Amino acid sequence: MMKKYVVSVLAATMMCAMSANAASVTIQLGHAEAASEDSVHHKMSTLFAQYVDEMSNGDIAIEIVPSGALGGERDMIEGIQIGTVEMASTANMVLSNFDTTFSILDLPYVYTDYETAYKVLDSEEMQGLINKFAEESGVRILAYGQGGFRDVISRKSCVDLASFKGIKIRVPESDIYLSTFAALGANPTPLAFTEVFTALQQGTIDGFEIVPLVVLANGYYEVCSNVSMTRHLYSPNPFMISETVFRSLTEEQQTILQEAADKAAAEQRAWVEEKEADCLAQLADKGMTIDEEVDVNAMSDACAEAGIYEKYRDIIGADFYDSVMALIR
C-alpha cells in the first residue's frame, strides 16, 4: 500500500519561491522528449502553456523543460512527490511503479481503437483512481494526453512470433511491458528512455517499442530501419502537477489549470490521430520500412496464453479490473 505523502521542506521552499504575489506564478513543466513540433509530450505541453497564458491573462506562466533536463520519467514523478519538480508529462506505465492499479491502461491488445481508449480514460472509474492517487501520493493527474498505439522499432521486421525469438527489445521499467515481450518470445531489456538512442547506436539493444511519432520527433530513423505495426499497447500520457503546488494556488488559478489541461488534452489527442498516417509516410521517406502485415492475432493469443490478463486482474484488483473491462465490452 502506498503511504500518504508528506509535504517536505523542499516543497515548502518551492512554494515560497513561486511568488509572493498569488496573481503572478511561474510553474516548470518537464518531459523527456525533444522540443520538437512532432513530439507528443511537447505538443501537449505547448498547448497547455498557451491556454494557461490566455485564460490567466498572462498571470500564470508555464516554463517547459524538455529533453529529460529534470530527469527521466520516473525521476520526475518522484520529484513531484518530494517537491523538486512541479509538473511533468510522462507515459502511463511509469505510474504503475507508484500504484499498480494504473496498469489497467497498459494491458496488451485490450485497447484496439481510440474510441475504446477514450471511453476508459474519461470514465468515472478512472477519475476515482486519479482522485485517490492525488490524495495518497501527492501527484495530481490533470488530464490524459496520448502517444497513440505503440509499435516495434528495430533493425529487422518483427511481424510474427518467430521473428521475436531472442531479439533484444528495450522496454520501459515496467513489469507489464516485460511480461508482454517475454510472452512474444523476445528478450526484453529495461532501459531509461534517455539511454535508448545510444544503446541502439552501440548495438546494446536490437530495437525498442514506442509510438511512431516519437521516432520521428527524436530521430530514431537514423539508428533503426523498420517500423513493425504490432500496435501491442495503447500509450496514454498522464499530465501531472504536484498536489502541493496545486493546493497553493487560488481556486480561480486551479480552475484555469484544470480547464487548460482538459482543452489541451482534447486537442492533443485529435492531433495524434491526425498525425498517424503522415508520420508513417515521413518515416518511409526517411528510409524506414513500414511493416503493416503483422500477425497481431497470434501475438494477442500469446499474451493470453502467458496468463498476463489473469495475473494483472489480481494485481490491479478484480473489482476495478472488471468494471473497466465492462466499459470495453
C-alpha atoms as a PDB file:
ATOM      1  CA  MET A   1       0.000   0.000   0.000  1.00  0.00           C
ATOM      2  CA  MET A   2       1.191   3.469  -0.803  1.00  0.00           C
ATOM      3  CA  LYS A   3       1.771   5.685   2.223  1.00  0.00           C
ATOM      4  CA  LYS A   4       0.273   9.142   2.333  1.00  0.00           C
ATOM      5  CA  TYR A   5       2.786  11.689   1.137  1.00  0.00           C
ATOM      6  CA  VAL A   6       4.445  14.133   3.487  1.00  0.00           C
ATOM      7  CA  VAL A   7       4.979  17.764   2.498  1.00  0.00           C
ATOM      8  CA  SER A   8       8.735  18.106   2.620  1.00  0.00           C
ATOM      9  CA  VAL A   9      10.925  21.078   3.394  1.00  0.00           C
ATOM     10  CA  LEU A  10      11.804  21.165  -0.303  1.00  0.00           C
ATOM     11  CA  ALA A  11       8.142  21.533  -1.203  1.00  0.00           C
ATOM     12  CA  ALA A  12       7.714  24.348   1.289  1.00  0.00           C
ATOM     13  CA  THR A  13      10.763  26.094  -0.117  1.00  0.00           C
ATOM     14  CA  MET A  14       9.394  25.723  -3.636  1.00  0.00           C
ATOM     15  CA  MET A  15       6.117  27.322  -2.595  1.00  0.00           C
ATOM     16  CA  CYS A  16       7.906  30.326  -1.206  1.00  0.00           C
ATOM     17  CA  ALA A  17       9.962  30.649  -4.362  1.00  0.00           C
ATOM     18  CA  MET A  18       6.981  30.587  -6.694  1.00  0.00           C
ATOM     19  CA  SER A  19       5.842  34.107  -5.923  1.00  0.00           C
ATOM     20  CA  ALA A  20       4.772  36.302  -3.052  1.00  0.00           C
ATOM     21  CA  ASN A  21       2.087  37.646  -5.347  1.00  0.00           C
ATOM     22  CA  ALA A  22      -0.561  34.951  -5.985  1.00  0.00           C
ATOM     23  CA  ALA A  23      -1.543  36.669  -9.234  1.00  0.00           C
ATOM     24  CA  SER A  24       1.895  36.092 -10.790  1.00  0.00           C
ATOM     25  CA  VAL A  25       3.067  32.464 -10.846  1.00  0.00           C
ATOM     26  CA  THR A  26       5.614  30.562 -12.925  1.00  0.00           C
ATOM     27  CA  ILE A  27       5.399  26.760 -12.968  1.00  0.00           C
ATOM     28  CA  GLN A  28       8.013  24.476 -14.507  1.00  0.00           C
ATOM     29  CA  LEU A  29       6.757  21.588 -16.656  1.00  0.00           C
ATOM     30  CA  GLY A  30       9.138  18.794 -17.624  1.00  0.00           C
ATOM     31  CA  HIS A  31       9.068  15.992 -20.175  1.00  0.00           C
ATOM     32  CA  ALA A  32      11.674  13.575 -21.575  1.00  0.00           C
ATOM     33  CA  GLU A  33      11.277  14.216 -25.315  1.00  0.00           C
ATOM     34  CA  ALA A  34      12.929  16.721 -27.623  1.00  0.00           C
ATOM     35  CA  ALA A  35      11.343  20.154 -28.056  1.00  0.00           C
ATOM     36  CA  SER A  36      10.041  19.163 -31.489  1.00  0.00           C
ATOM     37  CA  GLU A  37       6.770  20.026 -33.198  1.00  0.00           C
ATOM     38  CA  ASP A  38       6.295  16.266 -33.720  1.00  0.00           C
ATOM     39  CA  SER A  39       6.796  15.370 -30.033  1.00  0.00           C
ATOM     40  CA  VAL A  40       3.622  14.131 -28.330  1.00  0.00           C
ATOM     41  CA  HIS A  41       4.655  15.405 -24.886  1.00  0.00           C
ATOM     42  CA  HIS A  42       5.911  18.720 -26.216  1.00  0.00           C
ATOM     43  CA  LYS A  43       2.692  19.230 -28.173  1.00  0.00           C
ATOM     44  CA  MET A  44       0.608  18.655 -25.046  1.00  0.00           C
ATOM     45  CA  SER A  45       2.874  20.928 -23.027  1.00  0.00           C
ATOM     46  CA  THR A  46       2.874  23.809 -25.512  1.00  0.00           C
ATOM     47  CA  LEU A  47      -0.913  23.681 -25.918  1.00  0.00           C
ATOM     48  CA  PHE A  48      -1.332  23.723 -22.145  1.00  0.00           C
ATOM     49  CA  ALA A  49       1.076  26.645 -21.741  1.00  0.00           C
ATOM     50  CA  GLN A  50      -0.759  28.567 -24.452  1.00  0.00           C
ATOM     51  CA  TYR A  51      -4.188  28.033 -22.890  1.00  0.00           C
ATOM     52  CA  VAL A  52      -2.976  28.838 -19.381  1.00  0.00           C
ATOM     53  CA  ASP A  53      -1.499  32.093 -20.645  1.00  0.00           C
ATOM     54  CA  GLU A  54      -4.732  33.009 -22.445  1.00  0.00           C
ATOM     55  CA  MET A  55      -7.079  32.059 -19.607  1.00  0.00           C
ATOM     56  CA  SER A  56      -4.998  33.761 -16.906  1.00  0.00           C
ATOM     57  CA  ASN A  57      -4.281  36.887 -18.985  1.00  0.00           C
ATOM     58  CA  GLY A  58      -0.595  36.178 -18.534  1.00  0.00           C
ATOM     59  CA  ASP A  59      -0.715  35.887 -14.746  1.00  0.00           C
ATOM     60  CA  ILE A  60       0.334  32.219 -14.830  1.00  0.00           C
ATOM     61  CA  ALA A  61       3.385  31.262 -16.889  1.00  0.00           C
ATOM     62  CA  ILE A  62       4.284  27.684 -17.787  1.00  0.00           C
ATOM     63  CA  GLU A  63       8.015  27.132 -18.338  1.00  0.00           C
ATOM     64  CA  ILE A  64       8.526  23.967 -20.428  1.00  0.00           C
ATOM     65  CA  VAL A  65      11.701  21.994 -19.666  1.00  0.00           C
ATOM     66  CA  PRO A  66      12.145  19.299 -22.373  1.00  0.00           C
ATOM     67  CA  SER A  67      14.674  16.547 -23.179  1.00  0.00           C
ATOM     68  CA  GLY A  68      14.786  14.994 -19.725  1.00  0.00           C
ATOM     69  CA  ALA A  69      16.501  18.038 -18.213  1.00  0.00           C
ATOM     70  CA  LEU A  70      14.532  17.461 -14.992  1.00  0.00           C
ATOM     71  CA  GLY A  71      15.344  13.734 -15.061  1.00  0.00           C
ATOM     72  CA  GLY A  72      13.874  10.574 -16.532  1.00  0.00           C
ATOM     73  CA  GLU A  73      10.143   9.951 -16.342  1.00  0.00           C
ATOM     74  CA  ARG A  74      10.254   8.052 -13.062  1.00  0.00           C
ATOM     75  CA  ASP A  75      12.645  10.661 -11.650  1.00  0.00           C
ATOM     76  CA  MET A  76      10.177  13.433 -12.487  1.00  0.00           C
ATOM     77  CA  ILE A  77       7.279  11.712 -10.743  1.00  0.00           C
ATOM     78  CA  GLU A  78       9.446  11.125  -7.688  1.00  0.00           C
ATOM     79  CA  GLY A  79      10.461  14.780  -7.918  1.00  0.00           C
ATOM     80  CA  ILE A  80       6.809  15.824  -7.879  1.00  0.00           C
ATOM     81  CA  GLN A  81       6.344  13.809  -4.697  1.00  0.00           C
ATOM     82  CA  ILE A  82       9.280  15.345  -2.820  1.00  0.00           C
ATOM     83  CA  GLY A  83       8.874  18.870  -4.159  1.00  0.00           C
ATOM     84  CA  THR A  84      11.762  19.224  -6.624  1.00  0.00           C
ATOM     85  CA  VAL A  85       9.559  19.030  -9.746  1.00  0.00           C
ATOM     86  CA  GLU A  86       6.312  20.961 -10.198  1.00  0.00           C
ATOM     87  CA  MET A  87       4.717  19.418 -13.312  1.00  0.00           C
ATOM     88  CA  ALA A  88       5.503  16.601 -15.754  1.00  0.00           C
ATOM     89  CA  SER A  89       4.141  14.774 -18.781  1.00  0.00           C
ATOM     90  CA  THR A  90       5.125  11.090 -18.923  1.00  0.00           C
ATOM     91  CA  ALA A  91       3.958   7.771 -20.287  1.00  0.00           C
ATOM     92  CA  ASN A  92       1.349   5.992 -18.178  1.00  0.00           C
ATOM     93  CA  MET A  93       3.335   2.840 -17.477  1.00  0.00           C
ATOM     94  CA  VAL A  94       5.666   4.802 -15.194  1.00  0.00           C
ATOM     95  CA  LEU A  95       2.769   5.358 -12.789  1.00  0.00           C
ATOM     96  CA  SER A  96       2.445   1.611 -12.264  1.00  0.00           C
ATOM     97  CA  ASN A  97       5.651   1.790 -10.213  1.00  0.00           C
ATOM     98  CA  PHE A  98       3.757   4.021  -7.776  1.00  0.00           C
ATOM     99  CA  ASP A  99       0.293   2.426  -7.950  1.00  0.00           C
ATOM    100  CA  THR A 100      -0.172  -0.853  -9.821  1.00  0.00           C
ATOM    101  CA  THR A 101      -3.840  -0.029 -10.479  1.00  0.00           C
ATOM    102  CA  PHE A 102      -2.690   2.194 -13.359  1.00  0.00           C
ATOM    103  CA  SER A 103      -1.626  -0.977 -15.185  1.00  0.00           C
ATOM    104  CA  ILE A 104      -5.260  -1.192 -16.318  1.00  0.00           C
ATOM    105  CA  LEU A 105      -4.315   1.212 -19.129  1.00  0.00           C
ATOM    106  CA  ASP A 106      -1.246  -0.780 -20.203  1.00  0.00           C
ATOM    107  CA  LEU A 107      -2.736  -4.196 -20.890  1.00  0.00           C
ATOM    108  CA  PRO A 108      -1.593  -5.588 -24.263  1.00  0.00           C
ATOM    109  CA  TYR A 109      -4.139  -5.890 -27.070  1.00  0.00           C
ATOM    110  CA  VAL A 110      -7.045  -4.669 -24.904  1.00  0.00           C
ATOM    111  CA  TYR A 111      -7.399  -1.161 -26.374  1.00  0.00           C
ATOM    112  CA  THR A 112      -7.753  -1.660 -30.105  1.00  0.00           C
ATOM    113  CA  ASP A 113      -9.043   1.764 -31.175  1.00  0.00           C
ATOM    114  CA  TYR A 114      -9.117   5.337 -29.926  1.00  0.00           C
ATOM    115  CA  GLU A 115     -12.823   5.355 -29.111  1.00  0.00           C
ATOM    116  CA  THR A 116     -12.389   2.485 -26.670  1.00  0.00           C
ATOM    117  CA  ALA A 117      -9.320   4.075 -25.090  1.00  0.00           C
ATOM    118  CA  TYR A 118     -11.060   7.414 -24.550  1.00  0.00           C
ATOM    119  CA  LYS A 119     -14.092   5.716 -23.048  1.00  0.00           C
ATOM    120  CA  VAL A 120     -11.852   4.349 -20.308  1.00  0.00           C
ATOM    121  CA  LEU A 121      -9.604   7.406 -19.885  1.00  0.00           C
ATOM    122  CA  ASP A 122     -12.599   9.697 -19.379  1.00  0.00           C
ATOM    123  CA  SER A 123     -14.620   7.297 -17.220  1.00  0.00           C
ATOM    124  CA  GLU A 124     -15.806   7.735 -13.643  1.00  0.00           C
ATOM    125  CA  GLU A 125     -13.735   4.673 -12.789  1.00  0.00           C
ATOM    126  CA  MET A 126     -10.510   6.379 -13.853  1.00  0.00           C
ATOM    127  CA  GLN A 127     -11.465   9.658 -12.185  1.00  0.00           C
ATOM    128  CA  GLY A 128     -11.901   7.802  -8.913  1.00  0.00           C
ATOM    129  CA  LEU A 129      -8.425   6.316  -9.266  1.00  0.00           C
ATOM    130  CA  ILE A 130      -6.963   9.737 -10.146  1.00  0.00           C
ATOM    131  CA  ASN A 131      -8.517  11.326  -7.035  1.00  0.00           C
ATOM    132  CA  LYS A 132      -7.227   8.523  -4.810  1.00  0.00           C
ATOM    133  CA  PHE A 133      -3.748   8.790  -6.299  1.00  0.00           C
ATOM    134  CA  ALA A 134      -3.604  12.563  -5.695  1.00  0.00           C
ATOM    135  CA  GLU A 135      -4.552  12.077  -2.048  1.00  0.00           C
ATOM    136  CA  GLU A 136      -2.148   9.220  -1.386  1.00  0.00           C
ATOM    137  CA  SER A 137       0.866  10.182  -3.497  1.00  0.00           C
ATOM    138  CA  GLY A 138       0.850  13.977  -3.793  1.00  0.00           C
ATOM    139  CA  VAL A 139       0.672  13.663  -7.592  1.00  0.00           C
ATOM    140  CA  ARG A 140      -2.439  15.075  -9.289  1.00  0.00           C
ATOM    141  CA  ILE A 141      -3.248  13.980 -12.848  1.00  0.00           C
ATOM    142  CA  LEU A 142      -4.934  16.957 -14.503  1.00  0.00           C
ATOM    143  CA  ALA A 143      -5.685  15.170 -17.781  1.00  0.00           C
ATOM    144  CA  TYR A 144      -4.575  12.411 -20.132  1.00  0.00           C
ATOM    145  CA  GLY A 145      -2.959  13.212 -23.448  1.00  0.00           C
ATOM    146  CA  GLN A 146      -1.732  10.351 -25.591  1.00  0.00           C
ATOM    147  CA  GLY A 147       1.078   8.979 -27.686  1.00  0.00           C
ATOM    148  CA  GLY A 148      -1.131   6.648 -29.670  1.00  0.00           C
ATOM    149  CA  PHE A 149      -0.513   2.953 -30.321  1.00  0.00           C
ATOM    150  CA  ARG A 150       2.942   1.514 -29.764  1.00  0.00           C
ATOM    151  CA  ASP A 151       4.874  -0.389 -32.441  1.00  0.00           C
ATOM    152  CA  VAL A 152       8.196  -2.202 -32.551  1.00  0.00           C
ATOM    153  CA  ILE A 153      11.083  -0.115 -33.933  1.00  0.00           C
ATOM    154  CA  SER A 154      14.129  -2.195 -34.835  1.00  0.00           C
ATOM    155  CA  ARG A 155      16.755  -3.227 -37.369  1.00  0.00           C
ATOM    156  CA  LYS A 156      14.592  -6.075 -38.698  1.00  0.00           C
ATOM    157  CA  SER A 157      10.961  -6.926 -39.325  1.00  0.00           C
ATOM    158  CA  CYS A 158       9.055  -8.181 -36.272  1.00  0.00           C
ATOM    159  CA  VAL A 159       5.852  -9.358 -37.903  1.00  0.00           C
ATOM    160  CA  ASP A 160       5.243 -12.760 -36.276  1.00  0.00           C
ATOM    161  CA  LEU A 161       6.188 -14.682 -33.144  1.00  0.00           C
ATOM    162  CA  ALA A 162       9.141 -16.373 -34.873  1.00  0.00           C
ATOM    163  CA  SER A 163      10.750 -13.018 -35.670  1.00  0.00           C
ATOM    164  CA  PHE A 164      10.749 -12.024 -31.979  1.00  0.00           C
ATOM    165  CA  LYS A 165      12.779 -15.023 -30.866  1.00  0.00           C
ATOM    166  CA  GLY A 166      15.851 -13.834 -28.974  1.00  0.00           C
ATOM    167  CA  ILE A 167      15.682 -10.215 -30.162  1.00  0.00           C
ATOM    168  CA  LYS A 168      16.764  -7.664 -27.530  1.00  0.00           C
ATOM    169  CA  ILE A 169      13.929  -5.161 -27.268  1.00  0.00           C
ATOM    170  CA  ARG A 170      14.216  -2.191 -24.958  1.00  0.00           C
ATOM    171  CA  VAL A 171      11.153  -1.795 -22.787  1.00  0.00           C
ATOM    172  CA  PRO A 172      10.332   0.775 -20.106  1.00  0.00           C
ATOM    173  CA  GLU A 173      10.990  -0.172 -16.493  1.00  0.00           C
ATOM    174  CA  SER A 174       7.545  -1.730 -16.197  1.00  0.00           C
ATOM    175  CA  ASP A 175       6.635  -5.310 -15.324  1.00  0.00           C
ATOM    176  CA  ILE A 176       3.696  -5.399 -17.731  1.00  0.00           C
ATOM    177  CA  TYR A 177       5.936  -4.467 -20.672  1.00  0.00           C
ATOM    178  CA  LEU A 178       8.489  -7.078 -19.607  1.00  0.00           C
ATOM    179  CA  SER A 179       5.731  -9.690 -19.372  1.00  0.00           C
ATOM    180  CA  THR A 180       4.304  -8.753 -22.771  1.00  0.00           C
ATOM    181  CA  PHE A 181       7.564  -9.076 -24.685  1.00  0.00           C
ATOM    182  CA  ALA A 182       8.602 -12.202 -22.818  1.00  0.00           C
ATOM    183  CA  ALA A 183       5.270 -13.704 -23.934  1.00  0.00           C
ATOM    184  CA  LEU A 184       6.103 -12.757 -27.532  1.00  0.00           C
ATOM    185  CA  GLY A 185       9.429 -14.588 -27.268  1.00  0.00           C
ATOM    186  CA  ALA A 186      11.711 -11.547 -27.219  1.00  0.00           C
ATOM    187  CA  ASN A 187      14.459 -10.729 -24.755  1.00  0.00           C
ATOM    188  CA  PRO A 188      13.001  -7.598 -23.092  1.00  0.00           C
ATOM    189  CA  THR A 189      15.630  -5.227 -21.730  1.00  0.00           C
ATOM    190  CA  PRO A 190      14.587  -2.448 -19.309  1.00  0.00           C
ATOM    191  CA  LEU A 191      16.303   0.840 -20.027  1.00  0.00           C
ATOM    192  CA  ALA A 192      15.608   4.518 -19.354  1.00  0.00           C
ATOM    193  CA  PHE A 193      14.243   6.341 -22.402  1.00  0.00           C
ATOM    194  CA  THR A 194      17.105   8.841 -22.324  1.00  0.00           C
ATOM    195  CA  GLU A 195      19.598   5.981 -22.895  1.00  0.00           C
ATOM    196  CA  VAL A 196      17.839   4.326 -25.849  1.00  0.00           C
ATOM    197  CA  PHE A 197      19.436   6.206 -28.752  1.00  0.00           C
ATOM    198  CA  THR A 198      22.982   5.487 -27.566  1.00  0.00           C
ATOM    199  CA  ALA A 199      22.136   1.838 -26.848  1.00  0.00           C
ATOM    200  CA  LEU A 200      20.861   1.452 -30.422  1.00  0.00           C
ATOM    201  CA  GLN A 201      23.974   3.110 -31.830  1.00  0.00           C
ATOM    202  CA  GLN A 202      26.226   0.805 -29.829  1.00  0.00           C
ATOM    203  CA  GLY A 203      24.193  -2.331 -30.583  1.00  0.00           C
ATOM    204  CA  THR A 204      23.421  -2.983 -26.925  1.00  0.00           C
ATOM    205  CA  ILE A 205      19.801  -3.492 -27.983  1.00  0.00           C
ATOM    206  CA  ASP A 206      18.284  -4.555 -31.328  1.00  0.00           C
ATOM    207  CA  GLY A 207      15.245  -2.348 -31.114  1.00  0.00           C
ATOM    208  CA  PHE A 208      12.621  -0.822 -28.870  1.00  0.00           C
ATOM    209  CA  GLU A 209       8.904  -0.212 -28.817  1.00  0.00           C
ATOM    210  CA  ILE A 210       7.203   3.159 -28.870  1.00  0.00           C
ATOM    211  CA  VAL A 211       4.726   5.257 -30.819  1.00  0.00           C
ATOM    212  CA  PRO A 212       5.980   6.239 -34.321  1.00  0.00           C
ATOM    213  CA  LEU A 213       5.616   9.968 -33.608  1.00  0.00           C
ATOM    214  CA  VAL A 214       8.395   9.665 -31.024  1.00  0.00           C
ATOM    215  CA  VAL A 215      10.612   8.000 -33.649  1.00  0.00           C
ATOM    216  CA  LEU A 216      10.085  10.936 -35.993  1.00  0.00           C
ATOM    217  CA  ALA A 217      10.448  13.629 -33.328  1.00  0.00           C
ATOM    218  CA  ASN A 218      13.653  12.204 -31.868  1.00  0.00           C
ATOM    219  CA  GLY A 219      15.449  10.970 -34.988  1.00  0.00           C
ATOM    220  CA  TYR A 220      15.403   7.241 -34.279  1.00  0.00           C
ATOM    221  CA  TYR A 221      15.152   6.602 -38.017  1.00  0.00           C
ATOM    222  CA  GLU A 222      18.900   7.217 -38.002  1.00  0.00           C
ATOM    223  CA  VAL A 223      19.560   4.036 -35.969  1.00  0.00           C
ATOM    224  CA  CYS A 224      16.630   1.747 -36.871  1.00  0.00           C
ATOM    225  CA  SER A 225      15.333   0.521 -40.224  1.00  0.00           C
ATOM    226  CA  ASN A 226      11.881  -0.959 -39.502  1.00  0.00           C
ATOM    227  CA  VAL A 227       8.564   0.033 -38.002  1.00  0.00           C
ATOM    228  CA  SER A 228       6.594  -3.169 -37.365  1.00  0.00           C
ATOM    229  CA  MET A 229       2.977  -2.166 -36.731  1.00  0.00           C
ATOM    230  CA  THR A 230       2.300  -4.508 -33.825  1.00  0.00           C
ATOM    231  CA  ARG A 231       0.067  -1.949 -32.044  1.00  0.00           C
ATOM    232  CA  HIS A 232       0.611  -4.071 -28.962  1.00  0.00           C
ATOM    233  CA  LEU A 233      -0.164  -1.400 -26.385  1.00  0.00           C
ATOM    234  CA  TYR A 234      -2.019   1.886 -26.234  1.00  0.00           C
ATOM    235  CA  SER A 235       0.049   4.713 -24.770  1.00  0.00           C
ATOM    236  CA  PRO A 236      -1.838   7.313 -22.722  1.00  0.00           C
ATOM    237  CA  ASN A 237       0.199  10.145 -21.210  1.00  0.00           C
ATOM    238  CA  PRO A 238      -0.716  11.452 -17.749  1.00  0.00           C
ATOM    239  CA  PHE A 239      -0.256  15.202 -17.396  1.00  0.00           C
ATOM    240  CA  MET A 240       0.643  15.787 -13.756  1.00  0.00           C
ATOM    241  CA  ILE A 241       1.143  18.511 -11.179  1.00  0.00           C
ATOM    242  CA  SER A 242       2.350  18.442  -7.608  1.00  0.00           C
ATOM    243  CA  GLU A 243      -0.653  18.378  -5.279  1.00  0.00           C
ATOM    244  CA  THR A 244       1.250  20.760  -3.021  1.00  0.00           C
ATOM    245  CA  VAL A 245       1.691  23.234  -5.877  1.00  0.00           C
ATOM    246  CA  PHE A 246      -1.938  22.844  -6.941  1.00  0.00           C
ATOM    247  CA  ARG A 247      -3.295  23.459  -3.456  1.00  0.00           C
ATOM    248  CA  SER A 248      -1.082  26.525  -3.050  1.00  0.00           C
ATOM    249  CA  LEU A 249      -2.956  28.243  -5.888  1.00  0.00           C
ATOM    250  CA  THR A 250      -6.172  30.175  -5.621  1.00  0.00           C
ATOM    251  CA  GLU A 251      -9.394  28.435  -6.581  1.00  0.00           C
ATOM    252  CA  GLU A 252      -9.524  30.535  -9.751  1.00  0.00           C
ATOM    253  CA  GLN A 253      -5.970  29.534 -10.691  1.00  0.00           C
ATOM    254  CA  GLN A 254      -6.749  25.862 -10.046  1.00  0.00           C
ATOM    255  CA  THR A 255      -9.754  26.111 -12.335  1.00  0.00           C
ATOM    256  CA  ILE A 256      -7.622  27.704 -15.057  1.00  0.00           C
ATOM    257  CA  LEU A 257      -5.047  24.901 -14.888  1.00  0.00           C
ATOM    258  CA  GLN A 258      -7.708  22.194 -14.975  1.00  0.00           C
ATOM    259  CA  GLU A 259      -9.637  23.730 -17.870  1.00  0.00           C
ATOM    260  CA  ALA A 260      -6.437  24.401 -19.818  1.00  0.00           C
ATOM    261  CA  ALA A 261      -5.322  20.793 -19.304  1.00  0.00           C
ATOM    262  CA  ASP A 262      -8.691  19.423 -20.443  1.00  0.00           C
ATOM    263  CA  LYS A 263      -8.673  21.614 -23.541  1.00  0.00           C
ATOM    264  CA  ALA A 264      -5.051  20.784 -24.371  1.00  0.00           C
ATOM    265  CA  ALA A 265      -5.649  17.044 -23.921  1.00  0.00           C
ATOM    266  CA  ALA A 266      -8.659  17.027 -26.255  1.00  0.00           C
ATOM    267  CA  GLU A 267      -6.713  18.913 -28.922  1.00  0.00           C
ATOM    268  CA  GLN A 268      -3.545  16.859 -28.481  1.00  0.00           C
ATOM    269  CA  ARG A 269      -5.458  13.569 -28.799  1.00  0.00           C
ATOM    270  CA  ALA A 270      -7.046  14.726 -32.051  1.00  0.00           C
ATOM    271  CA  TRP A 271      -3.634  15.885 -33.287  1.00  0.00           C
ATOM    272  CA  VAL A 272      -2.092  12.454 -32.617  1.00  0.00           C
ATOM    273  CA  GLU A 273      -4.876  10.723 -34.537  1.00  0.00           C
ATOM    274  CA  GLU A 274      -4.460  13.074 -37.480  1.00  0.00           C
ATOM    275  CA  LYS A 275      -0.653  12.739 -37.495  1.00  0.00           C
ATOM    276  CA  GLU A 276      -0.516   8.930 -37.584  1.00  0.00           C
ATOM    277  CA  ALA A 277      -0.636   8.314 -41.333  1.00  0.00           C
ATOM    278  CA  ASP A 278       1.502  11.343 -42.147  1.00  0.00           C
ATOM    279  CA  CYS A 279       4.112  10.266 -39.603  1.00  0.00           C
ATOM    280  CA  LEU A 280       4.479   6.806 -41.150  1.00  0.00           C
ATOM    281  CA  ALA A 281       4.777   8.374 -44.600  1.00  0.00           C
ATOM    282  CA  GLN A 282       7.538  10.676 -43.359  1.00  0.00           C
ATOM    283  CA  LEU A 283       9.406   7.761 -41.777  1.00  0.00           C
ATOM    284  CA  ALA A 284       9.149   5.853 -45.058  1.00  0.00           C
ATOM    285  CA  ASP A 285      10.575   8.897 -46.856  1.00  0.00           C
ATOM    286  CA  LYS A 286      13.497   8.815 -44.439  1.00  0.00           C
ATOM    287  CA  GLY A 287      14.258   5.237 -45.486  1.00  0.00           C
ATOM    288  CA  MET A 288      12.388   3.170 -42.922  1.00  0.00           C
ATOM    289  CA  THR A 289      10.419   0.077 -43.909  1.00  0.00           C
ATOM    290  CA  ILE A 290       6.844   0.109 -42.589  1.00  0.00           C
ATOM    291  CA  ASP A 291       5.770  -3.488 -41.869  1.00  0.00           C
ATOM    292  CA  GLU A 292       1.972  -3.425 -41.994  1.00  0.00           C
ATOM    293  CA  GLU A 293       1.332  -7.169 -42.360  1.00  0.00           C
ATOM    294  CA  VAL A 294       1.687  -8.241 -38.733  1.00  0.00           C
ATOM    295  CA  ASP A 295       0.222 -11.381 -37.133  1.00  0.00           C
ATOM    296  CA  VAL A 296      -1.494  -9.456 -34.345  1.00  0.00           C
ATOM    297  CA  ASN A 297      -3.884 -12.315 -33.506  1.00  0.00           C
ATOM    298  CA  ALA A 298      -1.006 -14.675 -32.744  1.00  0.00           C
ATOM    299  CA  MET A 299       0.628 -12.024 -30.576  1.00  0.00           C
ATOM    300  CA  SER A 300      -2.583 -11.378 -28.665  1.00  0.00           C
ATOM    301  CA  ASP A 301      -3.083 -15.119 -28.167  1.00  0.00           C
ATOM    302  CA  ALA A 302       0.481 -15.459 -26.866  1.00  0.00           C
ATOM    303  CA  CYS A 303      -0.191 -12.797 -24.221  1.00  0.00           C
ATOM    304  CA  ALA A 304      -3.365 -14.598 -23.148  1.00  0.00           C
ATOM    305  CA  GLU A 305      -1.637 -17.983 -23.034  1.00  0.00           C
ATOM    306  CA  ALA A 306       1.113 -16.483 -20.868  1.00  0.00           C
ATOM    307  CA  GLY A 307      -1.549 -15.607 -18.270  1.00  0.00           C
ATOM    308  CA  ILE A 308      -0.974 -11.849 -18.407  1.00  0.00           C
ATOM    309  CA  TYR A 309      -4.638 -10.915 -18.034  1.00  0.00           C
ATOM    310  CA  GLU A 310      -5.284 -13.222 -15.072  1.00  0.00           C
ATOM    311  CA  LYS A 311      -2.097 -12.034 -13.399  1.00  0.00           C
ATOM    312  CA  TYR A 312      -2.973  -8.365 -13.759  1.00  0.00           C
ATOM    313  CA  ARG A 313      -6.566  -8.841 -12.736  1.00  0.00           C
ATOM    314  CA  ASP A 314      -5.180  -9.899  -9.369  1.00  0.00           C
ATOM    315  CA  ILE A 315      -2.550  -7.139  -9.278  1.00  0.00           C
ATOM    316  CA  ILE A 316      -4.945  -4.366 -10.300  1.00  0.00           C
ATOM    317  CA  GLY A 317      -7.826  -5.636  -8.183  1.00  0.00           C
ATOM    318  CA  ALA A 318     -10.632  -7.784  -9.528  1.00  0.00           C
ATOM    319  CA  ASP A 319     -13.454  -5.298  -8.909  1.00  0.00           C
ATOM    320  CA  PHE A 320     -11.725  -2.367 -10.612  1.00  0.00           C
ATOM    321  CA  TYR A 321     -10.437  -4.577 -13.433  1.00  0.00           C
ATOM    322  CA  ASP A 322     -13.893  -5.979 -14.117  1.00  0.00           C
ATOM    323  CA  SER A 323     -15.556  -2.544 -14.002  1.00  0.00           C
ATOM    324  CA  VAL A 324     -13.147  -1.190 -16.637  1.00  0.00           C
ATOM    325  CA  MET A 325     -13.425  -4.284 -18.827  1.00  0.00           C
ATOM    326  CA  ALA A 326     -17.220  -3.830 -18.727  1.00  0.00           C
ATOM    327  CA  LEU A 327     -16.740  -0.409 -20.378  1.00  0.00           C
ATOM    328  CA  ILE A 328     -14.839  -2.015 -23.236  1.00  0.00           C
ATOM    329  CA  ARG A 329     -17.080  -4.975 -23.994  1.00  0.00           C
END
